[in-house]
């Protein structure tokens, strides 16, 4: 059985490397920019799951996912990670995001819970 392929899009190398370690039972690849993400997806099989940061440098991960990736490749299951998600001041925004992404995960996250979330997605 082939491992599920996961693509992480985050501009922080340490976050990407941590996620790769946490999810070591999967085929995890990561990219640090939206341009690198497009290149990766055009040149390789599409991932079974994407993990996308809310803010990628000057780019917006949400807009990049909805306006670029979904239009070009179709809807790929995705988790949004962010230090901004889940704040009480933004319940309407959180509701909107929940309709786009499978899960919203606030950073920093509990590694055991994060691993469980990903495992549950692939059940």
N, C-alpha and C. Protein backbone atom coordinates (compact mmCIF):
# COMPACT_ATOMS: atom_id res chain seq x y z
N UNK A 1 0.85 -1.18 0.00
CA UNK A 1 0.00 0.00 0.00
C UNK A 1 0.90 1.25 0.00
N UNK A 2 0.59 2.19 -0.87
CA UNK A 2 1.41 3.40 -0.95
C UNK A 2 1.01 4.37 0.16
N UNK A 3 1.99 5.10 0.60
CA UNK A 3 1.75 6.10 1.65
C UNK A 3 0.95 7.26 1.07
N UNK A 4 0.10 7.83 1.89
CA UNK A 4 -0.65 9.02 1.49
C UNK A 4 0.34 10.17 1.32
N UNK A 5 0.15 10.93 0.27
CA UNK A 5 1.04 12.04 -0.07
C UNK A 5 0.48 13.34 0.53
N UNK A 6 1.31 14.05 1.28
CA UNK A 6 0.91 15.31 1.92
C UNK A 6 1.87 16.40 1.47
N UNK A 7 1.30 17.53 1.07
CA UNK A 7 2.11 18.69 0.69
C UNK A 7 1.85 19.81 1.69
N UNK A 8 2.92 20.29 2.31
CA UNK A 8 2.84 21.37 3.30
C UNK A 8 3.31 22.66 2.63
N UNK A 9 2.52 23.71 2.77
CA UNK A 9 2.88 25.03 2.25
C UNK A 9 2.95 26.00 3.43
N UNK A 10 4.18 26.35 3.80
CA UNK A 10 4.42 27.28 4.91
C UNK A 10 5.77 27.94 4.65
N UNK A 11 5.89 29.21 4.94
CA UNK A 11 7.15 29.90 4.68
C UNK A 11 8.18 29.74 5.80
N UNK A 12 7.82 29.02 6.84
CA UNK A 12 8.75 28.78 7.94
C UNK A 12 9.29 27.35 7.84
N UNK A 13 10.59 27.24 7.57
CA UNK A 13 11.23 25.94 7.41
C UNK A 13 11.03 25.08 8.66
N UNK A 14 11.16 25.69 9.82
CA UNK A 14 11.03 24.91 11.06
C UNK A 14 9.64 24.30 11.21
N UNK A 15 8.62 25.01 10.81
CA UNK A 15 7.25 24.47 10.86
C UNK A 15 7.13 23.30 9.89
N UNK A 16 7.62 23.48 8.67
CA UNK A 16 7.56 22.42 7.66
C UNK A 16 8.30 21.17 8.12
N UNK A 17 9.50 21.35 8.65
CA UNK A 17 10.28 20.21 9.11
C UNK A 17 9.62 19.52 10.29
N UNK A 18 9.03 20.30 11.18
CA UNK A 18 8.32 19.72 12.33
C UNK A 18 7.13 18.88 11.87
N UNK A 19 6.37 19.41 10.93
CA UNK A 19 5.22 18.67 10.42
C UNK A 19 5.68 17.39 9.74
N UNK A 20 6.78 17.45 8.98
CA UNK A 20 7.31 16.26 8.32
C UNK A 20 7.70 15.19 9.35
N UNK A 21 8.26 15.62 10.46
CA UNK A 21 8.63 14.67 11.52
C UNK A 21 7.38 14.11 12.19
N UNK A 22 6.44 14.98 12.53
CA UNK A 22 5.20 14.55 13.19
C UNK A 22 4.45 13.54 12.32
N UNK A 23 4.45 13.77 11.02
CA UNK A 23 3.70 12.92 10.09
C UNK A 23 4.63 11.97 9.32
N UNK A 24 5.63 11.46 10.00
CA UNK A 24 6.66 10.64 9.34
C UNK A 24 6.12 9.35 8.72
N UNK A 25 4.93 8.93 9.07
CA UNK A 25 4.34 7.74 8.47
C UNK A 25 3.72 8.00 7.10
N UNK A 26 3.74 9.25 6.68
CA UNK A 26 3.18 9.65 5.39
C UNK A 26 4.30 10.11 4.47
N UNK A 27 3.99 10.28 3.20
CA UNK A 27 4.93 10.80 2.22
C UNK A 27 4.77 12.32 2.22
N UNK A 28 5.53 12.99 3.08
CA UNK A 28 5.38 14.44 3.28
C UNK A 28 6.44 15.20 2.49
N UNK A 29 5.95 16.18 1.74
CA UNK A 29 6.81 17.11 1.01
C UNK A 29 6.42 18.50 1.47
N UNK A 30 7.35 19.45 1.40
CA UNK A 30 6.98 20.81 1.76
C UNK A 30 7.60 21.81 0.82
N UNK A 31 6.92 22.94 0.71
CA UNK A 31 7.36 24.07 -0.10
C UNK A 31 7.21 25.33 0.74
N UNK A 32 8.05 26.31 0.42
CA UNK A 32 8.11 27.52 1.25
C UNK A 32 7.47 28.74 0.60
N UNK A 33 6.92 28.58 -0.60
CA UNK A 33 6.29 29.72 -1.28
C UNK A 33 5.17 29.23 -2.19
N UNK A 34 4.31 30.15 -2.59
CA UNK A 34 3.22 29.79 -3.50
C UNK A 34 3.77 29.40 -4.87
N UNK A 35 4.83 30.07 -5.33
CA UNK A 35 5.43 29.72 -6.62
C UNK A 35 5.98 28.29 -6.59
N UNK A 36 6.68 27.95 -5.51
CA UNK A 36 7.22 26.60 -5.36
C UNK A 36 6.09 25.57 -5.28
N UNK A 37 5.00 25.96 -4.66
CA UNK A 37 3.84 25.05 -4.54
C UNK A 37 3.27 24.74 -5.92
N UNK A 38 3.09 25.76 -6.73
CA UNK A 38 2.57 25.55 -8.09
C UNK A 38 3.50 24.64 -8.88
N UNK A 39 4.79 24.90 -8.81
CA UNK A 39 5.76 24.09 -9.54
C UNK A 39 5.71 22.64 -9.07
N UNK A 40 5.66 22.44 -7.77
CA UNK A 40 5.59 21.08 -7.19
C UNK A 40 4.36 20.35 -7.69
N UNK A 41 3.24 21.03 -7.71
CA UNK A 41 1.99 20.38 -8.09
C UNK A 41 1.90 20.13 -9.59
N UNK A 42 2.54 20.97 -10.38
CA UNK A 42 2.54 20.77 -11.83
C UNK A 42 3.47 19.64 -12.24
N UNK A 43 4.50 19.37 -11.46
CA UNK A 43 5.52 18.40 -11.83
C UNK A 43 5.39 17.05 -11.13
N UNK A 44 4.50 16.93 -10.18
CA UNK A 44 4.38 15.71 -9.38
C UNK A 44 2.91 15.30 -9.25
N UNK A 45 2.69 14.07 -8.80
CA UNK A 45 1.29 13.67 -8.54
C UNK A 45 0.67 14.61 -7.50
N UNK A 46 -0.61 14.87 -7.65
CA UNK A 46 -1.29 15.74 -6.69
C UNK A 46 -1.31 15.08 -5.32
N UNK A 47 -1.22 15.89 -4.28
CA UNK A 47 -1.23 15.33 -2.93
C UNK A 47 -2.62 14.83 -2.55
N UNK A 48 -2.64 13.92 -1.58
CA UNK A 48 -3.91 13.46 -1.02
C UNK A 48 -4.44 14.46 -0.01
N UNK A 49 -3.52 15.28 0.53
CA UNK A 49 -3.88 16.29 1.54
C UNK A 49 -2.87 17.42 1.45
N UNK A 50 -3.38 18.63 1.64
CA UNK A 50 -2.50 19.79 1.73
C UNK A 50 -2.63 20.38 3.13
N UNK A 51 -1.53 20.90 3.63
CA UNK A 51 -1.52 21.64 4.89
C UNK A 51 -0.99 23.01 4.53
N UNK A 52 -1.84 24.02 4.68
CA UNK A 52 -1.53 25.36 4.17
C UNK A 52 -1.56 26.38 5.30
N UNK A 53 -0.51 27.18 5.37
CA UNK A 53 -0.47 28.25 6.36
C UNK A 53 -1.33 29.42 5.89
N UNK A 54 -1.91 30.10 6.84
CA UNK A 54 -2.74 31.28 6.55
C UNK A 54 -1.92 32.37 5.88
N UNK A 55 -0.72 32.59 6.35
CA UNK A 55 0.15 33.64 5.83
C UNK A 55 1.44 33.01 5.33
N UNK A 56 1.74 33.20 4.04
CA UNK A 56 2.95 32.66 3.43
C UNK A 56 3.73 33.84 2.87
N UNK A 57 4.65 34.36 3.66
CA UNK A 57 5.35 35.58 3.25
C UNK A 57 4.33 36.70 3.10
N UNK A 58 4.30 37.30 1.92
CA UNK A 58 3.33 38.35 1.65
C UNK A 58 2.03 37.80 1.07
N UNK A 59 2.02 36.50 0.80
CA UNK A 59 0.84 35.88 0.19
C UNK A 59 -0.15 35.39 1.24
N UNK A 60 -1.38 35.24 0.81
CA UNK A 60 -2.48 34.77 1.64
C UNK A 60 -2.79 33.33 1.23
N UNK A 61 -2.57 32.40 2.14
CA UNK A 61 -2.77 30.99 1.83
C UNK A 61 -4.20 30.64 1.44
N UNK A 62 -5.16 31.33 2.02
CA UNK A 62 -6.57 31.07 1.72
C UNK A 62 -6.88 31.45 0.28
N UNK A 63 -6.50 32.65 -0.09
CA UNK A 63 -6.75 33.13 -1.46
C UNK A 63 -5.99 32.29 -2.47
N UNK A 64 -4.75 31.95 -2.17
CA UNK A 64 -3.97 31.11 -3.08
C UNK A 64 -4.66 29.76 -3.29
N UNK A 65 -5.16 29.16 -2.21
CA UNK A 65 -5.85 27.88 -2.33
C UNK A 65 -7.13 28.01 -3.17
N UNK A 66 -7.98 28.97 -2.82
CA UNK A 66 -9.28 29.07 -3.49
C UNK A 66 -9.18 29.63 -4.91
N UNK A 67 -8.36 30.64 -5.12
CA UNK A 67 -8.32 31.31 -6.42
C UNK A 67 -7.32 30.71 -7.40
N UNK A 68 -6.34 29.97 -6.91
CA UNK A 68 -5.33 29.41 -7.81
C UNK A 68 -5.40 27.89 -7.83
N UNK A 69 -5.19 27.26 -6.69
CA UNK A 69 -5.10 25.80 -6.67
C UNK A 69 -6.41 25.12 -7.04
N UNK A 70 -7.51 25.54 -6.43
CA UNK A 70 -8.80 24.90 -6.72
C UNK A 70 -9.18 25.09 -8.19
N UNK A 71 -8.94 26.28 -8.73
CA UNK A 71 -9.28 26.54 -10.14
C UNK A 71 -8.41 25.72 -11.09
N UNK A 72 -7.15 25.51 -10.73
CA UNK A 72 -6.22 24.81 -11.62
C UNK A 72 -6.27 23.29 -11.46
N UNK A 73 -6.42 22.80 -10.22
CA UNK A 73 -6.32 21.36 -9.95
C UNK A 73 -7.59 20.74 -9.40
N UNK A 74 -8.60 21.53 -9.10
CA UNK A 74 -9.79 21.00 -8.44
C UNK A 74 -9.60 21.05 -6.93
N UNK A 75 -10.64 20.75 -6.20
CA UNK A 75 -10.57 20.85 -4.74
C UNK A 75 -9.79 19.67 -4.17
N UNK A 76 -8.68 20.00 -3.54
CA UNK A 76 -7.83 19.02 -2.88
C UNK A 76 -8.09 19.16 -1.38
N UNK A 77 -8.30 18.07 -0.67
CA UNK A 77 -8.52 18.19 0.78
C UNK A 77 -7.37 18.99 1.42
N UNK A 78 -7.73 19.93 2.28
CA UNK A 78 -6.71 20.81 2.87
C UNK A 78 -7.05 21.18 4.30
N UNK A 79 -5.98 21.30 5.08
CA UNK A 79 -6.04 21.81 6.45
C UNK A 79 -5.41 23.19 6.44
N UNK A 80 -6.04 24.14 7.09
CA UNK A 80 -5.47 25.47 7.24
C UNK A 80 -4.84 25.57 8.62
N UNK A 81 -3.57 25.96 8.67
CA UNK A 81 -2.91 26.18 9.96
C UNK A 81 -2.60 27.66 10.08
N UNK A 82 -2.76 28.18 11.29
CA UNK A 82 -2.55 29.61 11.47
C UNK A 82 -2.53 29.99 12.94
N UNK A 83 -1.79 31.03 13.21
CA UNK A 83 -1.83 31.63 14.54
C UNK A 83 -3.04 32.53 14.70
N UNK A 84 -3.77 32.79 13.60
CA UNK A 84 -4.91 33.70 13.62
C UNK A 84 -6.25 32.99 13.71
N UNK A 85 -6.29 31.74 13.27
CA UNK A 85 -7.56 30.99 13.21
C UNK A 85 -8.06 30.68 14.61
N UNK A 86 -9.37 30.73 14.77
CA UNK A 86 -9.97 30.33 16.03
C UNK A 86 -10.01 31.41 17.09
N UNK A 87 -9.69 32.63 16.72
CA UNK A 87 -9.76 33.71 17.70
C UNK A 87 -11.20 34.15 17.86
N UNK A 88 -11.60 34.44 19.07
CA UNK A 88 -13.00 34.75 19.36
C UNK A 88 -13.51 35.96 18.60
N UNK A 89 -12.61 36.87 18.19
CA UNK A 89 -13.06 38.08 17.49
C UNK A 89 -13.47 37.80 16.05
N UNK A 90 -13.22 36.58 15.53
CA UNK A 90 -13.44 36.30 14.13
C UNK A 90 -14.37 35.11 13.87
N UNK A 91 -15.49 34.99 14.56
CA UNK A 91 -16.30 33.78 14.36
C UNK A 91 -16.86 33.66 12.94
N UNK A 92 -17.22 34.77 12.29
CA UNK A 92 -17.76 34.70 10.93
C UNK A 92 -16.69 34.22 9.96
N UNK A 93 -15.49 34.72 10.12
CA UNK A 93 -14.37 34.31 9.27
C UNK A 93 -14.06 32.85 9.49
N UNK A 94 -14.06 32.40 10.72
CA UNK A 94 -13.78 31.00 11.02
C UNK A 94 -14.85 30.10 10.38
N UNK A 95 -16.10 30.53 10.39
CA UNK A 95 -17.17 29.76 9.78
C UNK A 95 -16.95 29.67 8.27
N UNK A 96 -16.56 30.78 7.64
CA UNK A 96 -16.29 30.78 6.20
C UNK A 96 -15.14 29.83 5.87
N UNK A 97 -14.10 29.89 6.66
CA UNK A 97 -12.94 29.04 6.42
C UNK A 97 -13.29 27.57 6.60
N UNK A 98 -14.15 27.27 7.55
CA UNK A 98 -14.57 25.89 7.80
C UNK A 98 -15.31 25.31 6.60
N UNK A 99 -15.91 26.16 5.78
CA UNK A 99 -16.60 25.68 4.58
C UNK A 99 -15.61 25.39 3.44
N UNK A 100 -14.38 25.89 3.55
CA UNK A 100 -13.37 25.71 2.51
C UNK A 100 -12.40 24.58 2.87
N UNK A 101 -11.97 24.55 4.12
CA UNK A 101 -10.95 23.61 4.57
C UNK A 101 -11.56 22.50 5.41
N UNK A 102 -10.94 21.31 5.37
CA UNK A 102 -11.40 20.18 6.17
C UNK A 102 -11.31 20.52 7.65
N UNK A 103 -10.18 21.10 8.04
CA UNK A 103 -9.96 21.46 9.44
C UNK A 103 -9.20 22.77 9.51
N UNK A 104 -9.41 23.48 10.59
CA UNK A 104 -8.66 24.68 10.92
C UNK A 104 -7.87 24.35 12.18
N UNK A 105 -6.57 24.54 12.13
CA UNK A 105 -5.72 24.20 13.27
C UNK A 105 -4.91 25.43 13.66
N UNK A 106 -5.06 25.82 14.90
CA UNK A 106 -4.34 26.99 15.39
C UNK A 106 -2.93 26.63 15.84
N UNK A 107 -1.97 27.44 15.41
CA UNK A 107 -0.58 27.27 15.85
C UNK A 107 -0.36 28.07 17.12
N UNK A 108 0.50 27.60 18.00
CA UNK A 108 1.13 26.29 17.94
C UNK A 108 0.12 25.20 18.27
N UNK A 109 0.33 24.03 17.69
CA UNK A 109 -0.63 22.95 17.90
C UNK A 109 -0.01 21.80 18.67
N UNK A 110 -0.87 21.04 19.30
CA UNK A 110 -0.47 19.83 20.02
C UNK A 110 -0.12 18.76 18.98
N UNK A 111 1.09 18.23 19.04
CA UNK A 111 1.53 17.31 17.99
C UNK A 111 0.71 16.02 17.96
N UNK A 112 0.30 15.52 19.11
CA UNK A 112 -0.49 14.28 19.13
C UNK A 112 -1.88 14.51 18.56
N UNK A 113 -2.46 15.65 18.88
CA UNK A 113 -3.79 15.98 18.34
C UNK A 113 -3.69 16.19 16.82
N UNK A 114 -2.64 16.87 16.38
CA UNK A 114 -2.45 17.14 14.95
C UNK A 114 -2.31 15.82 14.18
N UNK A 115 -1.51 14.92 14.71
CA UNK A 115 -1.31 13.61 14.07
C UNK A 115 -2.64 12.85 14.01
N UNK A 116 -3.42 12.96 15.06
CA UNK A 116 -4.73 12.30 15.11
C UNK A 116 -5.69 12.91 14.08
N UNK A 117 -5.66 14.22 13.94
CA UNK A 117 -6.52 14.90 12.95
C UNK A 117 -6.22 14.38 11.55
N UNK A 118 -4.93 14.31 11.21
CA UNK A 118 -4.54 13.84 9.88
C UNK A 118 -4.94 12.36 9.72
N UNK A 119 -4.70 11.56 10.74
CA UNK A 119 -5.08 10.15 10.66
C UNK A 119 -6.57 9.97 10.44
N UNK A 120 -7.38 10.78 11.13
CA UNK A 120 -8.83 10.69 10.98
C UNK A 120 -9.28 11.07 9.55
N UNK A 121 -8.58 12.00 8.94
CA UNK A 121 -8.92 12.41 7.56
C UNK A 121 -8.76 11.23 6.61
N UNK A 122 -7.74 10.41 6.84
CA UNK A 122 -7.47 9.30 5.92
C UNK A 122 -8.19 8.00 6.27
N UNK A 123 -9.04 8.02 7.29
CA UNK A 123 -9.80 6.80 7.65
C UNK A 123 -10.87 6.53 6.64
